[in-house]
Amino acid sequence: MQPLKISLETAQKLAKALGVPIEQIMHMPPHILVNKLLELEKKEKENDPS
């Protein structure tokens, strides 16, 4: 599988937000990455008091 076509800065931010190693982010299938980002966004909305 080809690595994702994202910048290093983006990969670092995603790795930190998702709590996974940067290598895992770079080789994650795009559809799985999108699902993880949606889960993260959902958690943030649940924790947002406003």
C-alpha atoms as a PDB file:
ATOM      1  CA  MET A   1       0.000   0.000   0.000  1.00  0.00           C
ATOM      2  CA  GLN A   2       1.225   3.490  -0.853  1.00  0.00           C
ATOM      3  CA  PRO A   3       1.837   5.940   1.992  1.00  0.00           C
ATOM      4  CA  LEU A   4      -0.742   8.695   2.320  1.00  0.00           C
ATOM      5  CA  LYS A   5      -0.048  11.857   0.370  1.00  0.00           C
ATOM      6  CA  ILE A   6      -0.075  14.216   3.354  1.00  0.00           C
ATOM      7  CA  SER A   7       2.568  16.558   4.711  1.00  0.00           C
ATOM      8  CA  LEU A   8       4.787  15.638   7.623  1.00  0.00           C
ATOM      9  CA  GLU A   9       3.167  18.346   9.753  1.00  0.00           C
ATOM     10  CA  THR A  10      -0.291  16.965   9.039  1.00  0.00           C
ATOM     11  CA  ALA A  11       0.831  13.433   9.847  1.00  0.00           C
ATOM     12  CA  GLN A  12       2.362  14.625  13.126  1.00  0.00           C
ATOM     13  CA  LYS A  13      -0.847  16.431  14.127  1.00  0.00           C
ATOM     14  CA  LEU A  14      -2.958  13.378  13.265  1.00  0.00           C
ATOM     15  CA  ALA A  15      -0.645  11.043  15.159  1.00  0.00           C
ATOM     16  CA  LYS A  16      -0.821  13.257  18.251  1.00  0.00           C
ATOM     17  CA  ALA A  17      -4.615  13.674  18.036  1.00  0.00           C
ATOM     18  CA  LEU A  18      -5.272   9.964  17.506  1.00  0.00           C
ATOM     19  CA  GLY A  19      -2.561   8.765  19.884  1.00  0.00           C
ATOM     20  CA  VAL A  20      -0.856   6.480  17.373  1.00  0.00           C
ATOM     21  CA  PRO A  21       2.699   6.394  15.963  1.00  0.00           C
ATOM     22  CA  ILE A  22       3.329   8.548  12.892  1.00  0.00           C
ATOM     23  CA  GLU A  23       4.358   5.447  10.914  1.00  0.00           C
ATOM     24  CA  GLN A  24       0.918   3.984  11.504  1.00  0.00           C
ATOM     25  CA  ILE A  25      -0.725   7.185  10.235  1.00  0.00           C
ATOM     26  CA  MET A  26       1.352   7.214   7.054  1.00  0.00           C
ATOM     27  CA  HIS A  27       0.442   3.623   6.167  1.00  0.00           C
ATOM     28  CA  MET A  28      -3.180   3.691   7.309  1.00  0.00           C
ATOM     29  CA  PRO A  29      -5.764   3.151   4.558  1.00  0.00           C
ATOM     30  CA  PRO A  30      -7.524   6.467   3.826  1.00  0.00           C
ATOM     31  CA  HIS A  31     -11.009   5.174   4.656  1.00  0.00           C
ATOM     32  CA  ILE A  32      -9.862   4.012   8.108  1.00  0.00           C
ATOM     33  CA  LEU A  33      -8.171   7.356   8.768  1.00  0.00           C
ATOM     34  CA  VAL A  34     -11.381   9.183   7.841  1.00  0.00           C
ATOM     35  CA  ASN A  35     -13.372   6.950  10.206  1.00  0.00           C
ATOM     36  CA  LYS A  36     -10.933   7.618  13.066  1.00  0.00           C
ATOM     37  CA  LEU A  37     -11.118  11.362  12.454  1.00  0.00           C
ATOM     38  CA  LEU A  38     -14.919  11.220  12.509  1.00  0.00           C
ATOM     39  CA  GLU A  39     -14.806   9.318  15.820  1.00  0.00           C
ATOM     40  CA  LEU A  40     -12.410  11.912  17.243  1.00  0.00           C
ATOM     41  CA  GLU A  41     -14.671  14.761  16.130  1.00  0.00           C
ATOM     42  CA  LYS A  42     -17.698  13.035  17.664  1.00  0.00           C
ATOM     43  CA  LYS A  43     -15.874  12.643  21.011  1.00  0.00           C
ATOM     44  CA  GLU A  44     -14.847  16.304  20.973  1.00  0.00           C
ATOM     45  CA  LYS A  45     -18.449  17.398  20.343  1.00  0.00           C
ATOM     46  CA  GLU A  46     -19.688  15.211  23.219  1.00  0.00           C
ATOM     47  CA  ASN A  47     -17.144  16.781  25.587  1.00  0.00           C
ATOM     48  CA  ASP A  48     -17.830  20.350  24.423  1.00  0.00           C
ATOM     49  CA  PRO A  49     -20.027  22.074  27.028  1.00  0.00           C
ATOM     50  CA  SER A  50     -21.399  24.738  24.653  1.00  0.00           C
END
